[in-house]
Amino acid sequence: MTIYKILKYPHSLLRKKSTDVTVFDAGLQLFSENLCETMYVFDGIGLAAPQVGILKRVIVVDVRKYFKEPDIWKKTVEYSLDGVKMDCPDVLTLVNPVIKVAKDTIIFPLDGCLSFPGVPRAKTERSAYIEIEAYDTQKRLIHVNGYGIMSICLQHEMDHLEGVLFIDRVQEEAFLDEELLGYIKDHEDESEERKKIKKYKPQDARRLVSIS
């Protein structure tokens, strides 16, 4: 298991668009597994490849911790693999995801991002329901219909693939850059964050990962 460094705002790669994955091999599988582990270590419910410096269209999502009841999240998603409906896996790994349907605009009050550690959560405009087509790491076709928090999390991560950040969608007074940088620096200076970095020794994915 390798834990990757998460790029922090205002790193320039966070504003770049990602390209499609064209080779589905063991390297892609390993990268997706490490991306998941990185998400867990830093207490996220979603993470996108560009957040670790890899400009490929790959995201991972696991919304279970958002709910107090362990299985209630399953009511927020419909899932099919190669045309066969089945239970959604606990962790969604989506390669080359495309939103096919997005509807019912809502204001989500608690949007936040692992690339903005320490920054207060904010209200953003999202769609309450989306339909996504993607592939898994074995190039099997996936269809996901997401509701509520599943929809919101998927949209947030897919924004990263376009170089769009959650601060671009804030529906109240925009954060000033100096505010953002101050929050991030204060977070990095916290003892718990320092302990976590020392324990897991996050690695630069750009030096380890080669995905086509």
Protein backbone atom coordinates (compact mmCIF):
# COMPACT_ATOMS: atom_id res chain seq x y z
CA MET A 1 0.00 0.00 0.00
CA THR A 2 1.25 3.45 -0.94
CA ILE A 3 -0.28 6.66 0.36
CA TYR A 4 -0.04 9.56 -2.05
CA LYS A 5 0.57 13.21 -1.30
CA ILE A 6 -2.56 15.24 -1.93
CA LEU A 7 -1.98 18.45 -3.84
CA LYS A 8 -3.08 21.53 -1.96
CA TYR A 9 -4.60 24.69 -3.37
CA PRO A 10 -3.28 26.68 -5.26
CA HIS A 11 -1.22 23.98 -7.01
CA SER A 12 -1.46 24.56 -10.77
CA LEU A 13 -2.32 20.92 -11.61
CA LEU A 14 -5.62 21.30 -9.78
CA ARG A 15 -6.73 23.62 -12.58
CA LYS A 16 -5.76 21.27 -15.43
CA LYS A 17 -8.19 19.06 -17.35
CA SER A 18 -7.62 15.32 -17.18
CA THR A 19 -7.50 12.99 -20.17
CA ASP A 20 -9.14 9.60 -20.69
CA VAL A 21 -7.49 6.39 -19.59
CA THR A 22 -6.73 4.24 -22.65
CA VAL A 23 -4.82 1.32 -21.10
CA PHE A 24 -6.60 -0.85 -18.53
CA ASP A 25 -3.89 -2.87 -16.83
CA ALA A 26 -2.44 -3.87 -13.46
CA GLY A 27 -0.90 -0.42 -13.06
CA LEU A 28 -4.32 1.19 -13.23
CA GLN A 29 -5.70 -1.28 -10.69
CA LEU A 30 -2.83 -0.62 -8.27
CA PHE A 31 -3.20 3.13 -8.67
CA SER A 32 -6.93 2.99 -7.92
CA GLU A 33 -6.32 0.88 -4.80
CA ASN A 34 -3.72 3.33 -3.52
CA LEU A 35 -6.02 6.25 -4.35
CA CYS A 36 -8.68 4.63 -2.14
CA GLU A 37 -6.25 4.12 0.72
CA THR A 38 -5.13 7.73 0.43
CA MET A 39 -8.76 8.86 0.62
CA TYR A 40 -9.25 6.85 3.84
CA VAL A 41 -6.06 8.05 5.51
CA PHE A 42 -7.08 11.67 4.98
CA ASP A 43 -10.70 11.05 6.05
CA GLY A 44 -12.37 11.75 2.72
CA ILE A 45 -15.43 10.29 1.02
CA GLY A 46 -14.06 10.90 -2.46
CA LEU A 47 -10.79 11.56 -4.26
CA ALA A 48 -9.86 12.26 -7.88
CA ALA A 49 -6.63 11.36 -9.68
CA PRO A 50 -5.63 14.99 -10.40
CA GLN A 51 -5.65 15.66 -6.64
CA VAL A 52 -2.56 13.47 -6.42
CA GLY A 53 -1.03 14.95 -9.57
CA ILE A 54 -2.19 12.33 -12.09
CA LEU A 55 -4.16 13.99 -14.88
CA LYS A 56 -6.26 10.98 -15.78
CA ARG A 57 -10.02 10.54 -15.52
CA VAL A 58 -10.19 8.32 -12.44
CA ILE A 59 -12.19 8.91 -9.26
CA VAL A 60 -12.94 6.90 -6.12
CA VAL A 61 -15.95 7.42 -3.87
CA ASP A 62 -17.06 5.83 -0.58
CA VAL A 63 -19.88 7.68 1.17
CA ARG A 64 -20.48 5.14 3.97
CA LYS A 65 -18.97 7.25 6.72
CA TYR A 66 -21.40 10.08 5.90
CA PHE A 67 -24.25 8.05 7.41
CA LYS A 68 -24.78 6.86 10.98
CA GLU A 69 -26.55 3.70 9.81
CA PRO A 70 -24.08 1.45 7.96
CA ASP A 71 -26.23 0.43 4.96
CA ILE A 72 -28.49 3.43 4.44
CA TRP A 73 -26.13 4.80 1.78
CA LYS A 74 -27.27 2.00 -0.54
CA LYS A 75 -30.58 3.81 -0.91
CA THR A 76 -28.74 6.67 -2.60
CA VAL A 77 -27.44 4.69 -5.59
CA GLU A 78 -28.50 2.32 -8.37
CA TYR A 79 -25.69 0.37 -10.00
CA SER A 80 -25.23 -1.92 -12.96
CA LEU A 81 -22.16 -3.69 -14.35
CA ASP A 82 -22.14 -4.65 -18.03
CA GLY A 83 -25.91 -4.13 -18.10
CA VAL A 84 -26.67 -6.30 -15.06
CA LYS A 85 -28.20 -4.54 -12.05
CA MET A 86 -26.55 -5.42 -8.75
CA ASP A 87 -25.65 -4.03 -5.35
CA CYS A 88 -23.23 -1.14 -5.56
CA PRO A 89 -19.77 -1.98 -4.19
CA ASP A 90 -18.78 -0.17 -1.00
CA VAL A 91 -16.12 1.71 -2.95
CA LEU A 92 -16.92 3.10 -6.37
CA THR A 93 -13.93 3.30 -8.70
CA LEU A 94 -14.92 5.06 -11.91
CA VAL A 95 -12.67 5.36 -14.95
CA ASN A 96 -13.53 7.85 -17.71
CA PRO A 97 -16.85 8.82 -16.08
CA VAL A 98 -19.37 10.86 -18.06
CA ILE A 99 -22.53 12.49 -16.67
CA LYS A 100 -25.50 11.54 -18.85
CA VAL A 101 -28.29 13.13 -16.79
CA ALA A 102 -28.22 15.81 -14.08
CA LYS A 103 -31.38 17.33 -12.65
CA ASP A 104 -33.10 18.93 -9.66
CA THR A 105 -30.75 21.70 -8.51
CA ILE A 106 -30.15 21.96 -4.77
CA ILE A 107 -27.87 23.89 -2.45
CA PHE A 108 -25.58 21.57 -0.51
CA PRO A 109 -24.46 23.26 2.73
CA LEU A 110 -21.40 21.18 3.63
CA ASP A 111 -19.13 20.99 0.60
CA GLY A 112 -15.42 20.64 1.34
CA CYS A 113 -12.29 19.22 -0.24
CA LEU A 114 -9.12 17.32 0.70
CA SER A 115 -7.14 19.77 -1.43
CA PHE A 116 -8.39 22.54 0.88
CA PRO A 117 -7.57 21.08 4.33
CA GLY A 118 -8.78 23.25 7.17
CA VAL A 119 -11.00 25.39 4.94
CA PRO A 120 -14.56 25.67 6.34
CA ARG A 121 -17.28 23.79 4.51
CA ALA A 122 -19.45 25.94 2.30
CA LYS A 123 -22.72 26.00 0.37
CA THR A 124 -22.49 24.90 -3.26
CA GLU A 125 -25.02 24.39 -6.04
CA ARG A 126 -25.33 20.78 -7.16
CA SER A 127 -27.79 18.43 -8.85
CA ALA A 128 -29.79 16.20 -6.52
CA TYR A 129 -29.80 13.37 -9.08
CA ILE A 130 -27.31 12.27 -11.72
CA GLU A 131 -26.76 9.35 -14.06
CA ILE A 132 -23.18 8.41 -14.91
CA GLU A 133 -21.61 6.04 -17.40
CA ALA A 134 -18.05 4.88 -16.70
CA TYR A 135 -15.76 1.87 -16.67
CA ASP A 136 -14.18 -0.10 -13.86
CA THR A 137 -10.46 -0.90 -13.86
CA GLN A 138 -11.12 -4.03 -15.94
CA LYS A 139 -12.91 -1.96 -18.62
CA ARG A 140 -16.33 -3.29 -17.73
CA LEU A 141 -19.14 -0.81 -18.38
CA ILE A 142 -20.73 0.76 -15.29
CA HIS A 143 -23.93 2.73 -14.95
CA VAL A 144 -24.54 4.65 -11.73
CA ASN A 145 -27.65 6.58 -10.76
CA GLY A 146 -26.82 8.71 -7.74
CA TYR A 147 -29.16 10.51 -5.35
CA GLY A 148 -28.45 13.00 -2.58
CA ILE A 149 -24.98 12.71 -1.07
CA MET A 150 -23.90 10.10 -3.62
CA SER A 151 -24.85 12.47 -6.44
CA ILE A 152 -23.11 15.40 -4.75
CA CYS A 153 -19.91 13.48 -4.05
CA LEU A 154 -19.72 12.14 -7.60
CA GLN A 155 -20.20 15.64 -9.04
CA HIS A 156 -17.53 17.07 -6.74
CA GLU A 157 -14.96 14.47 -7.80
CA MET A 158 -15.85 14.75 -11.48
CA ASP A 159 -15.38 18.52 -11.27
CA HIS A 160 -11.73 17.83 -10.43
CA LEU A 161 -11.36 16.06 -13.78
CA GLU A 162 -12.27 19.34 -15.48
CA GLY A 163 -10.03 21.53 -13.32
CA VAL A 164 -13.06 22.88 -11.44
CA LEU A 165 -12.82 23.31 -7.66
CA PHE A 166 -15.52 23.51 -5.03
CA ILE A 167 -14.69 27.16 -4.36
CA ASP A 168 -15.87 27.89 -7.92
CA ARG A 169 -19.37 26.77 -6.95
CA VAL A 170 -19.69 28.51 -3.57
CA GLN A 171 -23.09 30.20 -3.31
CA GLU A 172 -22.20 32.72 -0.63
CA GLU A 173 -19.44 35.28 -0.32
CA ALA A 174 -16.38 33.87 -2.06
CA PHE A 175 -13.27 32.96 -0.11
CA LEU A 176 -10.36 35.33 -0.49
CA ASP A 177 -7.08 33.71 -1.49
CA GLU A 178 -5.33 34.89 1.66
CA GLU A 179 -8.09 33.29 3.73
CA LEU A 180 -7.73 29.97 1.94
CA LEU A 181 -3.96 29.91 2.29
CA GLY A 182 -4.24 30.81 5.97
CA TYR A 183 -6.66 27.96 6.68
CA ILE A 184 -4.47 25.47 4.83
CA LYS A 185 -1.28 26.58 6.61
CA ASP A 186 -2.96 26.40 10.02
CA HIS A 187 -4.13 22.88 9.25
CA GLU A 188 -0.67 21.76 8.16
CA ASP A 189 0.75 23.14 11.41
CA GLU A 190 -1.65 21.08 13.58
CA SER A 191 0.07 18.33 15.57
CA GLU A 192 -2.41 15.64 14.48
CA GLU A 193 -1.76 16.38 10.83
CA ARG A 194 2.00 16.25 11.43
CA LYS A 195 1.62 12.87 13.16
CA LYS A 196 -0.36 11.52 10.23
CA ILE A 197 2.25 12.67 7.70
CA LYS A 198 5.03 11.16 9.81
CA LYS A 199 3.18 7.84 10.16
CA TYR A 200 2.15 7.31 6.52
CA LYS A 201 4.96 9.15 4.71
CA PRO A 202 2.87 10.11 1.65
CA GLN A 203 4.63 9.70 -1.68
CA ASP A 204 4.52 11.85 -4.82
CA ALA A 205 2.32 9.86 -7.22
CA ARG A 206 3.89 11.61 -10.21
CA ARG A 207 7.14 9.76 -9.50
CA LEU A 208 5.50 6.38 -9.05
CA VAL A 209 2.56 6.18 -11.42
CA SER A 210 2.53 5.76 -15.19
CA ILE A 211 -0.98 5.51 -16.65
CA SER A 212 -1.88 5.82 -20.31
